[in-house]
Protein backbone atom coordinates (compact mmCIF):
# COMPACT_ATOMS: atom_id res chain seq x y z
CA MET A 1 41.57 -10.55 -3.05
CA SER A 2 38.87 -8.57 -4.73
CA LYS A 3 39.06 -5.70 -6.70
CA HIS A 4 37.56 -2.24 -5.83
CA LEU A 5 33.87 -1.64 -7.48
CA PRO A 6 33.43 1.24 -9.88
CA ASP A 7 32.28 4.41 -8.68
CA TYR A 8 28.77 4.37 -10.23
CA HIS A 9 28.14 1.06 -8.30
CA GLU A 10 28.96 2.47 -4.91
CA LYS A 11 26.63 5.49 -5.51
CA VAL A 12 23.90 2.96 -6.28
CA MET A 13 24.67 1.29 -3.33
CA GLU A 14 24.79 4.22 -1.07
CA LEU A 15 20.98 5.32 -1.87
CA GLU A 16 18.79 4.46 1.10
CA PRO A 17 15.39 3.12 -0.02
CA ARG A 18 12.53 5.47 1.03
CA LYS A 19 9.48 4.33 2.50
CA ILE A 20 6.60 5.17 0.16
CA SER A 21 3.15 4.11 0.89
CA ILE A 22 -0.34 5.50 -0.50
CA SER A 23 -3.14 6.19 1.67
CA TYR A 24 -5.61 3.70 2.32
CA CYS A 25 -8.09 6.43 2.08
CA SER A 26 -7.07 6.96 -1.45
CA LEU A 27 -6.63 3.11 -2.21
CA LEU A 28 -10.43 2.91 -1.02
CA LYS A 29 -11.74 5.60 -3.31
CA GLN A 30 -9.82 3.71 -6.18
CA VAL A 31 -11.56 0.31 -5.22
CA LEU A 32 -14.70 1.83 -5.11
CA ASP A 33 -14.36 3.43 -8.33
CA HIS A 34 -13.44 0.28 -10.12
CA LEU A 35 -16.37 -1.53 -8.30
CA GLN A 36 -18.60 1.39 -9.43
CA PHE A 37 -19.92 2.16 -6.20
CA PRO A 38 -20.68 5.48 -4.53
CA PRO A 39 -17.70 7.11 -2.66
CA PRO A 40 -17.30 6.35 1.27
CA VAL A 41 -18.94 8.58 3.76
CA TYR A 42 -16.97 9.30 6.95
CA GLU A 43 -18.47 9.81 10.05
CA LEU A 44 -17.17 12.01 12.83
CA VAL A 45 -18.07 10.01 15.99
CA ASP A 46 -16.05 12.01 18.74
CA ILE A 47 -14.02 14.83 17.78
CA THR A 48 -12.38 14.82 21.33
CA LYS A 49 -10.89 11.23 20.75
CA ASN A 50 -10.44 11.74 16.96
CA HIS A 51 -13.10 8.73 16.10
CA VAL A 52 -14.30 8.13 12.80
CA LYS A 53 -16.68 5.75 11.18
CA LEU A 54 -16.66 4.68 7.37
CA HIS A 55 -19.62 3.48 5.59
CA VAL A 56 -19.35 1.93 2.32
CA GLU A 57 -22.42 1.45 0.20
CA THR A 58 -22.20 -1.70 -2.20
CA THR A 59 -24.60 -3.17 -4.69
CA ASP A 60 -24.12 -6.79 -5.68
CA LEU A 61 -26.58 -8.63 -7.77
CA GLY A 62 -29.27 -5.74 -7.38
CA PHE A 63 -29.06 -5.77 -3.60
CA SER A 64 -27.79 -2.80 -1.52
CA HIS A 65 -25.89 -2.87 1.36
CA THR A 66 -24.10 -0.77 3.57
CA TYR A 67 -20.83 -1.61 5.66
CA THR A 68 -19.72 0.14 8.80
CA PHE A 69 -16.21 0.32 9.51
CA ASP A 70 -14.88 1.77 12.97
CA GLY A 71 -11.48 3.54 13.05
CA GLY A 72 -11.60 3.77 16.59
CA LYS A 73 -9.65 6.39 18.79
CA GLY A 74 -6.55 7.98 16.92
CA GLU A 75 -4.00 10.71 17.77
CA LYS A 76 -5.30 12.27 14.61
CA LEU A 77 -8.54 12.15 12.63
CA GLN A 78 -6.59 11.01 9.44
CA ALA A 79 -5.36 8.11 11.87
CA SER A 80 -8.92 6.79 12.58
CA SER A 81 -9.71 7.56 9.02
CA GLU A 82 -6.79 5.59 7.58
CA LYS A 83 -7.67 2.52 10.05
CA ALA A 84 -11.32 2.55 8.90
CA ALA A 85 -10.20 2.55 5.21
CA GLU A 86 -7.79 -0.26 5.63
CA ASP A 87 -10.38 -2.52 7.21
CA ALA A 88 -12.73 -1.21 4.45
CA VAL A 89 -10.23 -2.18 1.44
CA ARG A 90 -9.25 -5.61 3.29
CA HIS A 91 -13.01 -6.38 3.50
CA LEU A 92 -13.80 -5.55 -0.05
CA ARG A 93 -11.01 -7.37 -1.46
CA ALA A 94 -12.12 -10.63 0.28
CA GLU A 95 -15.82 -9.80 -0.27
CA PHE A 96 -15.29 -9.28 -4.10
CA ASP A 97 -12.26 -11.40 -4.78
CA LEU A 98 -9.97 -8.32 -5.75
CA CYS A 99 -6.14 -8.42 -6.35
CA ILE A 100 -4.35 -5.10 -5.79
CA HIS A 101 -0.97 -5.08 -6.95
CA ASP A 102 1.80 -3.45 -5.58
CA TRP A 103 3.78 -1.89 -8.20
CA THR A 104 6.24 -0.32 -6.01
CA SER A 105 7.34 -3.52 -4.10
CA THR A 106 7.67 -5.28 -7.21
CA LYS A 107 10.25 -2.80 -8.59
CA ILE A 108 11.94 -2.80 -5.67
CA TRP A 109 12.36 -6.52 -5.76
CA MET A 110 13.74 -6.36 -9.34
CA TYR A 111 16.46 -3.88 -8.60
CA LYS A 112 17.34 -6.08 -5.70
CA ARG A 113 17.49 -8.76 -7.85
CA CYS A 114 19.59 -7.19 -10.46
CA GLU A 115 22.10 -5.73 -7.71
CA LEU A 116 22.62 -9.79 -6.62
CA LEU A 117 22.99 -10.82 -10.12
CA PHE A 118 25.50 -7.78 -10.88
CA GLN A 119 27.38 -8.77 -7.81
CA LEU A 120 27.44 -12.50 -8.88
CA LYS A 121 28.64 -11.79 -12.32
CA HIS A 122 31.31 -9.17 -11.01
CA ASP A 123 32.57 -12.01 -8.38
CA ALA A 124 32.71 -14.70 -11.34
CA SER A 125 34.82 -12.41 -13.60
CA GLU A 126 37.05 -11.53 -10.71
CA SER A 127 37.66 -15.10 -9.82
CA LYS A 128 38.92 -16.08 -13.39
């Protein structure tokens, strides 16, 4: 029969993970800053449908090109802007071979791994 875990471990286990996310519009701005491209231009297509298009101007090897991403209809303008920005980030990642690292998920994985190792060590010491 296993012993009761210490109170500090119970408190850690009681914490519910919160969902943290970054806006794709913010991420797109960071990507464009990194690539030294001009900021994105959002175009309001239809206010009644909350429809936004996003234009990204890129320069590669001296050639300038403007990409357009359609956010489609959304419940709010922000939803359409986020969809267009997400598509733009995906495209730029593929086009310019970018690696965007998610530090938050890495930390979550690390803490889950520590929890598992702690539990294994605790179980091993209990079985002796």
